[in-house]
């Protein structure tokens, strides 16, 4: 898949989005449990320098800025970057935001520059090991790379991806747990947590209690996958933390 095709897809995708979305990163959403966990791994981000790859509409970018971080966002989609900048400026935080357009593997960035590198559903479009190695060079000593990423083998998602996924024509390469462990050889510390094994049954639930139900199911799922670790491979999402 060429960079141009991925850029064209996301430029068109984000062009259909509201400029100032009503949703925030704290809103109840299906993936919020995994996102909240990823944010918790960062700790206090005040005065930290965060590199975010693939900011989308800039919702998480805005969250980091509101916590007092300086943020550099990189995306192959110029539309995504314009949305992210507009959202930050609308909240008076544009001065703490830096924008870089281009491929995350190629865009010019300084080595040992960042305290945290964060990406949410991006690695499936990148050379995984190439990106993992680049992150190690970009991080300060003790810095963290934290990724929220869909896994390859959840049976429901395998069927959905083959038939209905809007990403199908982009031919993403979804990561496996084996990929995570290979990437860990580049870092001093590594941990991961998986999410959404059978809680996908709530996919079509639109009620206000979605998040509480998901939290209850996640506790049950965690007990189950701790007992039967092989089930981790069948979860929908993983959150991985690499520490330099």
C-alpha atoms as a PDB file:
ATOM      1  CA  UNK A   1       0.000   0.000   0.000  1.00  0.00           C
ATOM      2  CA  UNK A   2       1.464   3.337  -1.050  1.00  0.00           C
ATOM      3  CA  UNK A   3       1.689   6.341   1.250  1.00  0.00           C
ATOM      4  CA  UNK A   4      -0.428   8.306  -1.238  1.00  0.00           C
ATOM      5  CA  UNK A   5      -3.338   5.854  -1.039  1.00  0.00           C
ATOM      6  CA  UNK A   6      -3.319   5.905   2.760  1.00  0.00           C
ATOM      7  CA  UNK A   7      -3.118   9.716   2.747  1.00  0.00           C
ATOM      8  CA  UNK A   8      -5.962   9.984   0.227  1.00  0.00           C
ATOM      9  CA  UNK A   9      -8.144   7.659   2.298  1.00  0.00           C
ATOM     10  CA  UNK A  10      -7.665   9.585   5.540  1.00  0.00           C
ATOM     11  CA  UNK A  11      -7.930  12.994   3.908  1.00  0.00           C
ATOM     12  CA  UNK A  12     -11.334  11.960   2.568  1.00  0.00           C
ATOM     13  CA  UNK A  13     -12.289  10.313   5.874  1.00  0.00           C
ATOM     14  CA  UNK A  14     -11.510  13.340   8.030  1.00  0.00           C
ATOM     15  CA  UNK A  15     -12.953  15.779   5.495  1.00  0.00           C
ATOM     16  CA  UNK A  16     -16.377  14.396   6.442  1.00  0.00           C
ATOM     17  CA  UNK A  17     -15.812  15.088  10.154  1.00  0.00           C
ATOM     18  CA  UNK A  18     -17.113  18.059  12.101  1.00  0.00           C
ATOM     19  CA  UNK A  19     -14.445  20.702  12.596  1.00  0.00           C
ATOM     20  CA  UNK A  20     -15.180  20.990  16.315  1.00  0.00           C
ATOM     21  CA  UNK A  21     -16.561  17.602  17.390  1.00  0.00           C
ATOM     22  CA  UNK A  22     -18.824  17.514  20.405  1.00  0.00           C
ATOM     23  CA  UNK A  23     -17.196  14.329  21.635  1.00  0.00           C
ATOM     24  CA  UNK A  24     -14.196  14.536  23.942  1.00  0.00           C
ATOM     25  CA  UNK A  25     -11.579  11.979  24.901  1.00  0.00           C
ATOM     26  CA  UNK A  26     -13.471  11.447  28.187  1.00  0.00           C
ATOM     27  CA  UNK A  27     -16.775  10.575  26.515  1.00  0.00           C
ATOM     28  CA  UNK A  28     -18.173   7.084  26.959  1.00  0.00           C
ATOM     29  CA  UNK A  29     -17.196   5.109  23.903  1.00  0.00           C
ATOM     30  CA  UNK A  30     -16.558   1.495  23.128  1.00  0.00           C
ATOM     31  CA  UNK A  31     -12.772   1.797  23.024  1.00  0.00           C
ATOM     32  CA  UNK A  32     -12.497   4.144  25.991  1.00  0.00           C
ATOM     33  CA  UNK A  33     -11.372   1.488  28.480  1.00  0.00           C
ATOM     34  CA  UNK A  34      -8.285   0.679  26.425  1.00  0.00           C
ATOM     35  CA  UNK A  35      -7.589   4.383  25.812  1.00  0.00           C
ATOM     36  CA  UNK A  36      -7.952   5.227  29.514  1.00  0.00           C
ATOM     37  CA  UNK A  37      -5.511   2.458  30.388  1.00  0.00           C
ATOM     38  CA  UNK A  38      -2.996   3.766  27.839  1.00  0.00           C
ATOM     39  CA  UNK A  39      -3.270   7.268  29.287  1.00  0.00           C
ATOM     40  CA  UNK A  40      -2.755   5.905  32.809  1.00  0.00           C
ATOM     41  CA  UNK A  41       0.591   4.428  31.734  1.00  0.00           C
ATOM     42  CA  UNK A  42       1.849   7.917  30.937  1.00  0.00           C
ATOM     43  CA  UNK A  43       1.546   9.217  34.481  1.00  0.00           C
ATOM     44  CA  UNK A  44       1.745  12.985  34.993  1.00  0.00           C
ATOM     45  CA  UNK A  45       2.433  14.540  31.576  1.00  0.00           C
ATOM     46  CA  UNK A  46       2.849  18.147  32.727  1.00  0.00           C
ATOM     47  CA  UNK A  47       5.825  19.683  30.908  1.00  0.00           C
ATOM     48  CA  UNK A  48       6.442  16.389  29.101  1.00  0.00           C
ATOM     49  CA  UNK A  49       7.146  16.355  25.362  1.00  0.00           C
ATOM     50  CA  UNK A  50       4.763  13.943  23.623  1.00  0.00           C
ATOM     51  CA  UNK A  51       4.990  12.738  20.033  1.00  0.00           C
ATOM     52  CA  UNK A  52       1.579  11.593  18.825  1.00  0.00           C
ATOM     53  CA  UNK A  53       1.382   9.661  15.570  1.00  0.00           C
ATOM     54  CA  UNK A  54      -1.960   9.835  13.758  1.00  0.00           C
ATOM     55  CA  UNK A  55      -3.994  12.327  15.843  1.00  0.00           C
ATOM     56  CA  UNK A  56      -7.254  11.934  13.909  1.00  0.00           C
ATOM     57  CA  UNK A  57      -9.484  14.878  14.823  1.00  0.00           C
ATOM     58  CA  UNK A  58      -7.109  15.864  17.604  1.00  0.00           C
ATOM     59  CA  UNK A  59      -9.254  14.730  20.535  1.00  0.00           C
ATOM     60  CA  UNK A  60      -6.451  12.972  22.391  1.00  0.00           C
ATOM     61  CA  UNK A  61      -4.036  15.725  21.359  1.00  0.00           C
ATOM     62  CA  UNK A  62      -6.339  18.193  23.095  1.00  0.00           C
ATOM     63  CA  UNK A  63      -6.464  15.967  26.186  1.00  0.00           C
ATOM     64  CA  UNK A  64      -2.653  15.903  26.415  1.00  0.00           C
ATOM     65  CA  UNK A  65      -2.435  19.660  25.914  1.00  0.00           C
ATOM     66  CA  UNK A  66      -4.991  20.256  28.661  1.00  0.00           C
ATOM     67  CA  UNK A  67      -2.848  18.131  30.994  1.00  0.00           C
ATOM     68  CA  UNK A  68       0.068  20.515  30.436  1.00  0.00           C
ATOM     69  CA  UNK A  69       2.104  18.589  27.868  1.00  0.00           C
ATOM     70  CA  UNK A  70       3.862  19.932  24.801  1.00  0.00           C
ATOM     71  CA  UNK A  71       2.716  17.874  21.826  1.00  0.00           C
ATOM     72  CA  UNK A  72       4.146  17.225  18.375  1.00  0.00           C
ATOM     73  CA  UNK A  73       1.673  15.507  16.044  1.00  0.00           C
ATOM     74  CA  UNK A  74       2.688  13.650  12.891  1.00  0.00           C
ATOM     75  CA  UNK A  75       0.261  12.438  10.253  1.00  0.00           C
ATOM     76  CA  UNK A  76       0.308  11.575   6.587  1.00  0.00           C
ATOM     77  CA  UNK A  77      -3.104  13.273   6.335  1.00  0.00           C
ATOM     78  CA  UNK A  78      -3.005  17.041   6.057  1.00  0.00           C
ATOM     79  CA  UNK A  79      -6.736  17.164   6.829  1.00  0.00           C
ATOM     80  CA  UNK A  80      -6.168  15.409  10.157  1.00  0.00           C
ATOM     81  CA  UNK A  81      -3.450  17.890  11.068  1.00  0.00           C
ATOM     82  CA  UNK A  82      -5.621  20.887  10.200  1.00  0.00           C
ATOM     83  CA  UNK A  83      -8.427  19.527  12.385  1.00  0.00           C
ATOM     84  CA  UNK A  84      -5.994  18.933  15.254  1.00  0.00           C
ATOM     85  CA  UNK A  85      -4.577  22.435  15.017  1.00  0.00           C
ATOM     86  CA  UNK A  86      -8.019  24.036  14.797  1.00  0.00           C
ATOM     87  CA  UNK A  87      -9.247  22.150  17.856  1.00  0.00           C
ATOM     88  CA  UNK A  88      -6.165  23.110  19.900  1.00  0.00           C
ATOM     89  CA  UNK A  89      -6.412  26.765  18.862  1.00  0.00           C
ATOM     90  CA  UNK A  90     -10.136  26.834  19.682  1.00  0.00           C
ATOM     91  CA  UNK A  91      -9.146  25.986  23.280  1.00  0.00           C
ATOM     92  CA  UNK A  92      -6.272  28.477  23.391  1.00  0.00           C
ATOM     93  CA  UNK A  93      -3.606  25.756  23.356  1.00  0.00           C
ATOM     94  CA  UNK A  94      -2.181  26.104  19.867  1.00  0.00           C
ATOM     95  CA  UNK A  95       1.095  27.487  21.206  1.00  0.00           C
ATOM     96  CA  UNK A  96       1.969  24.112  22.763  1.00  0.00           C
ATOM     97  CA  UNK A  97       1.295  22.172  19.568  1.00  0.00           C
ATOM     98  CA  UNK A  98       3.736  21.392  16.759  1.00  0.00           C
ATOM     99  CA  UNK A  99       2.569  19.959  13.430  1.00  0.00           C
ATOM    100  CA  UNK A 100       4.573  17.698  11.088  1.00  0.00           C
ATOM    101  CA  UNK A 101       3.031  16.278   7.908  1.00  0.00           C
ATOM    102  CA  UNK A 102       4.497  13.083   6.487  1.00  0.00           C
ATOM    103  CA  UNK A 103       5.188   9.388   6.948  1.00  0.00           C
ATOM    104  CA  UNK A 104       6.055   8.577  10.563  1.00  0.00           C
ATOM    105  CA  UNK A 105       9.045   6.568   9.362  1.00  0.00           C
ATOM    106  CA  UNK A 106      10.450   9.394   7.259  1.00  0.00           C
ATOM    107  CA  UNK A 107       9.460  12.759   8.715  1.00  0.00           C
ATOM    108  CA  UNK A 108      12.391  14.683  10.203  1.00  0.00           C
ATOM    109  CA  UNK A 109      12.489  14.527  14.003  1.00  0.00           C
ATOM    110  CA  UNK A 110      15.348  14.889  16.478  1.00  0.00           C
ATOM    111  CA  UNK A 111      16.771  11.883  18.291  1.00  0.00           C
ATOM    112  CA  UNK A 112      16.284  11.681  22.087  1.00  0.00           C
ATOM    113  CA  UNK A 113      13.654  14.435  21.866  1.00  0.00           C
ATOM    114  CA  UNK A 114      10.505  12.924  23.387  1.00  0.00           C
ATOM    115  CA  UNK A 115       9.391  11.692  26.802  1.00  0.00           C
ATOM    116  CA  UNK A 116       6.432   9.762  25.361  1.00  0.00           C
ATOM    117  CA  UNK A 117       5.490   8.488  21.911  1.00  0.00           C
ATOM    118  CA  UNK A 118       1.818   7.623  21.507  1.00  0.00           C
ATOM    119  CA  UNK A 119      -0.184   6.090  18.669  1.00  0.00           C
ATOM    120  CA  UNK A 120      -3.784   4.890  18.571  1.00  0.00           C
ATOM    121  CA  UNK A 121      -4.658   2.485  15.730  1.00  0.00           C
ATOM    122  CA  UNK A 122      -1.755   3.504  13.520  1.00  0.00           C
ATOM    123  CA  UNK A 123       0.781   0.672  13.539  1.00  0.00           C
ATOM    124  CA  UNK A 124      -1.373  -1.421  11.215  1.00  0.00           C
ATOM    125  CA  UNK A 125      -0.376   0.957   8.404  1.00  0.00           C
ATOM    126  CA  UNK A 126       3.359   0.997   9.194  1.00  0.00           C
ATOM    127  CA  UNK A 127       6.385  -1.254   9.034  1.00  0.00           C
ATOM    128  CA  UNK A 128       6.055  -2.385  12.658  1.00  0.00           C
ATOM    129  CA  UNK A 129       9.680  -3.158  13.458  1.00  0.00           C
ATOM    130  CA  UNK A 130      10.952  -0.191  11.474  1.00  0.00           C
ATOM    131  CA  UNK A 131       8.706   2.098  13.510  1.00  0.00           C
ATOM    132  CA  UNK A 132       9.578   0.433  16.822  1.00  0.00           C
ATOM    133  CA  UNK A 133      13.283   0.983  16.143  1.00  0.00           C
ATOM    134  CA  UNK A 134      12.711   4.579  15.140  1.00  0.00           C
ATOM    135  CA  UNK A 135      10.790   5.235  18.353  1.00  0.00           C
ATOM    136  CA  UNK A 136      13.757   3.997  20.387  1.00  0.00           C
ATOM    137  CA  UNK A 137      15.969   6.605  18.731  1.00  0.00           C
ATOM    138  CA  UNK A 138      13.419   9.398  19.215  1.00  0.00           C
ATOM    139  CA  UNK A 139      12.819   8.706  22.920  1.00  0.00           C
ATOM    140  CA  UNK A 140      14.838  10.130  25.770  1.00  0.00           C
ATOM    141  CA  UNK A 141      16.431   7.622  28.148  1.00  0.00           C
ATOM    142  CA  UNK A 142      13.623   6.234  30.278  1.00  0.00           C
ATOM    143  CA  UNK A 143      11.023   7.440  27.780  1.00  0.00           C
ATOM    144  CA  UNK A 144       7.967   5.381  26.858  1.00  0.00           C
ATOM    145  CA  UNK A 145       6.352   4.317  23.602  1.00  0.00           C
ATOM    146  CA  UNK A 146       2.670   3.508  24.206  1.00  0.00           C
ATOM    147  CA  UNK A 147       0.417   2.082  21.520  1.00  0.00           C
ATOM    148  CA  UNK A 148      -3.283   1.215  21.363  1.00  0.00           C
ATOM    149  CA  UNK A 149      -3.613  -1.257  18.533  1.00  0.00           C
ATOM    150  CA  UNK A 150      -6.103  -3.793  17.129  1.00  0.00           C
ATOM    151  CA  UNK A 151      -4.946  -7.394  17.158  1.00  0.00           C
ATOM    152  CA  UNK A 152      -5.185  -9.800  14.255  1.00  0.00           C
ATOM    153  CA  UNK A 153      -7.069 -12.876  15.427  1.00  0.00           C
ATOM    154  CA  UNK A 154     -10.344 -11.943  17.142  1.00  0.00           C
ATOM    155  CA  UNK A 155     -12.821 -14.175  15.223  1.00  0.00           C
ATOM    156  CA  UNK A 156     -15.572 -11.548  14.951  1.00  0.00           C
ATOM    157  CA  UNK A 157     -13.148  -8.917  13.689  1.00  0.00           C
ATOM    158  CA  UNK A 158     -11.528 -11.309  11.207  1.00  0.00           C
ATOM    159  CA  UNK A 159     -14.951 -11.777   9.596  1.00  0.00           C
ATOM    160  CA  UNK A 160     -15.784  -8.070   9.726  1.00  0.00           C
ATOM    161  CA  UNK A 161     -12.439  -7.067   8.214  1.00  0.00           C
ATOM    162  CA  UNK A 162     -12.788  -9.490   5.338  1.00  0.00           C
ATOM    163  CA  UNK A 163     -16.316  -8.347   4.439  1.00  0.00           C
ATOM    164  CA  UNK A 164     -17.143  -4.856   5.709  1.00  0.00           C
ATOM    165  CA  UNK A 165     -14.148  -2.993   7.075  1.00  0.00           C
ATOM    166  CA  UNK A 166     -13.569   0.425   5.447  1.00  0.00           C
ATOM    167  CA  UNK A 167      -9.834  -0.274   5.807  1.00  0.00           C
ATOM    168  CA  UNK A 168     -10.033  -3.406   3.660  1.00  0.00           C
ATOM    169  CA  UNK A 169      -8.652  -1.806   0.495  1.00  0.00           C
ATOM    170  CA  UNK A 170      -5.722  -0.339   2.435  1.00  0.00           C
ATOM    171  CA  UNK A 171      -4.576  -3.873   3.310  1.00  0.00           C
ATOM    172  CA  UNK A 172      -3.521  -3.100   6.900  1.00  0.00           C
ATOM    173  CA  UNK A 173      -1.236  -5.529   8.690  1.00  0.00           C
ATOM    174  CA  UNK A 174      -2.781  -6.069  12.112  1.00  0.00           C
ATOM    175  CA  UNK A 175      -0.264  -6.867  14.821  1.00  0.00           C
ATOM    176  CA  UNK A 176       0.043 -10.096  16.788  1.00  0.00           C
ATOM    177  CA  UNK A 177       1.348 -10.685  20.291  1.00  0.00           C
ATOM    178  CA  UNK A 178       4.408 -12.251  18.693  1.00  0.00           C
ATOM    179  CA  UNK A 179       5.109  -8.902  17.011  1.00  0.00           C
ATOM    180  CA  UNK A 180       4.987  -7.192  20.402  1.00  0.00           C
ATOM    181  CA  UNK A 181       7.571  -9.559  21.848  1.00  0.00           C
ATOM    182  CA  UNK A 182       9.890  -9.133  18.889  1.00  0.00           C
ATOM    183  CA  UNK A 183       9.640  -5.368  19.334  1.00  0.00           C
ATOM    184  CA  UNK A 184      10.482  -5.733  23.017  1.00  0.00           C
ATOM    185  CA  UNK A 185      14.044  -6.768  22.130  1.00  0.00           C
ATOM    186  CA  UNK A 186      14.719  -3.096  21.323  1.00  0.00           C
ATOM    187  CA  UNK A 187      13.785  -1.850  24.827  1.00  0.00           C
ATOM    188  CA  UNK A 188      14.733  -2.267  28.459  1.00  0.00           C
ATOM    189  CA  UNK A 189      11.174  -2.910  29.710  1.00  0.00           C
ATOM    190  CA  UNK A 190       7.949  -4.064  28.118  1.00  0.00           C
ATOM    191  CA  UNK A 191       4.386  -4.843  29.156  1.00  0.00           C
ATOM    192  CA  UNK A 192       1.023  -5.251  27.469  1.00  0.00           C
ATOM    193  CA  UNK A 193      -2.658  -5.624  28.360  1.00  0.00           C
ATOM    194  CA  UNK A 194      -5.412  -6.978  26.134  1.00  0.00           C
ATOM    195  CA  UNK A 195      -9.025  -5.819  25.869  1.00  0.00           C
ATOM    196  CA  UNK A 196     -12.371  -6.912  24.398  1.00  0.00           C
ATOM    197  CA  UNK A 197     -12.444 -10.688  24.257  1.00  0.00           C
ATOM    198  CA  UNK A 198     -16.192 -11.329  24.531  1.00  0.00           C
ATOM    199  CA  UNK A 199     -17.337  -7.786  25.376  1.00  0.00           C
ATOM    200  CA  UNK A 200     -17.836  -7.267  21.639  1.00  0.00           C
ATOM    201  CA  UNK A 201     -21.341  -8.560  22.355  1.00  0.00           C
ATOM    202  CA  UNK A 202     -22.064  -4.969  23.463  1.00  0.00           C
ATOM    203  CA  UNK A 203     -21.049  -3.506  20.088  1.00  0.00           C
ATOM    204  CA  UNK A 204     -24.620  -2.569  19.161  1.00  0.00           C
ATOM    205  CA  UNK A 205     -25.631  -1.356  22.623  1.00  0.00           C
ATOM    206  CA  UNK A 206     -26.250   2.400  22.519  1.00  0.00           C
ATOM    207  CA  UNK A 207     -27.446   2.971  26.067  1.00  0.00           C
ATOM    208  CA  UNK A 208     -25.917   5.368  28.576  1.00  0.00           C
ATOM    209  CA  UNK A 209     -24.523   2.519  30.678  1.00  0.00           C
ATOM    210  CA  UNK A 210     -22.217   1.190  27.968  1.00  0.00           C
ATOM    211  CA  UNK A 211     -19.023   2.147  29.797  1.00  0.00           C
ATOM    212  CA  UNK A 212     -20.038   0.648  33.191  1.00  0.00           C
ATOM    213  CA  UNK A 213     -21.020  -2.591  31.458  1.00  0.00           C
ATOM    214  CA  UNK A 214     -17.758  -2.680  29.546  1.00  0.00           C
ATOM    215  CA  UNK A 215     -15.790  -2.157  32.757  1.00  0.00           C
ATOM    216  CA  UNK A 216     -17.571  -5.089  34.413  1.00  0.00           C
ATOM    217  CA  UNK A 217     -16.945  -7.326  31.421  1.00  0.00           C
ATOM    218  CA  UNK A 218     -13.318  -6.212  31.226  1.00  0.00           C
ATOM    219  CA  UNK A 219     -12.758  -7.348  34.827  1.00  0.00           C
ATOM    220  CA  UNK A 220     -14.162 -10.755  33.936  1.00  0.00           C
ATOM    221  CA  UNK A 221     -12.109 -10.908  30.750  1.00  0.00           C
ATOM    222  CA  UNK A 222      -8.943 -10.016  32.646  1.00  0.00           C
ATOM    223  CA  UNK A 223      -9.488 -12.861  35.098  1.00  0.00           C
ATOM    224  CA  UNK A 224     -10.124 -15.253  32.237  1.00  0.00           C
ATOM    225  CA  UNK A 225      -7.088 -14.319  30.133  1.00  0.00           C
ATOM    226  CA  UNK A 226      -4.858 -14.356  33.218  1.00  0.00           C
ATOM    227  CA  UNK A 227      -6.038 -17.930  33.785  1.00  0.00           C
ATOM    228  CA  UNK A 228      -5.787 -18.931  30.122  1.00  0.00           C
ATOM    229  CA  UNK A 229      -3.093 -16.666  28.606  1.00  0.00           C
ATOM    230  CA  UNK A 230      -3.553 -18.053  25.098  1.00  0.00           C
ATOM    231  CA  UNK A 231      -6.889 -16.237  24.979  1.00  0.00           C
ATOM    232  CA  UNK A 232      -4.988 -12.943  24.796  1.00  0.00           C
ATOM    233  CA  UNK A 233      -4.403 -13.685  21.124  1.00  0.00           C
ATOM    234  CA  UNK A 234      -8.163 -13.600  20.513  1.00  0.00           C
ATOM    235  CA  UNK A 235      -8.772 -10.172  22.039  1.00  0.00           C
ATOM    236  CA  UNK A 236      -9.640  -7.254  19.782  1.00  0.00           C
ATOM    237  CA  UNK A 237      -7.197  -4.653  21.163  1.00  0.00           C
ATOM    238  CA  UNK A 238      -3.894  -4.517  22.960  1.00  0.00           C
ATOM    239  CA  UNK A 239      -2.186  -1.663  24.784  1.00  0.00           C
ATOM    240  CA  UNK A 240       1.592  -2.030  24.726  1.00  0.00           C
ATOM    241  CA  UNK A 241       4.201  -0.030  26.609  1.00  0.00           C
ATOM    242  CA  UNK A 242       7.890  -0.072  25.683  1.00  0.00           C
ATOM    243  CA  UNK A 243      10.372   1.726  27.939  1.00  0.00           C
ATOM    244  CA  UNK A 244      13.776   2.794  26.642  1.00  0.00           C
END
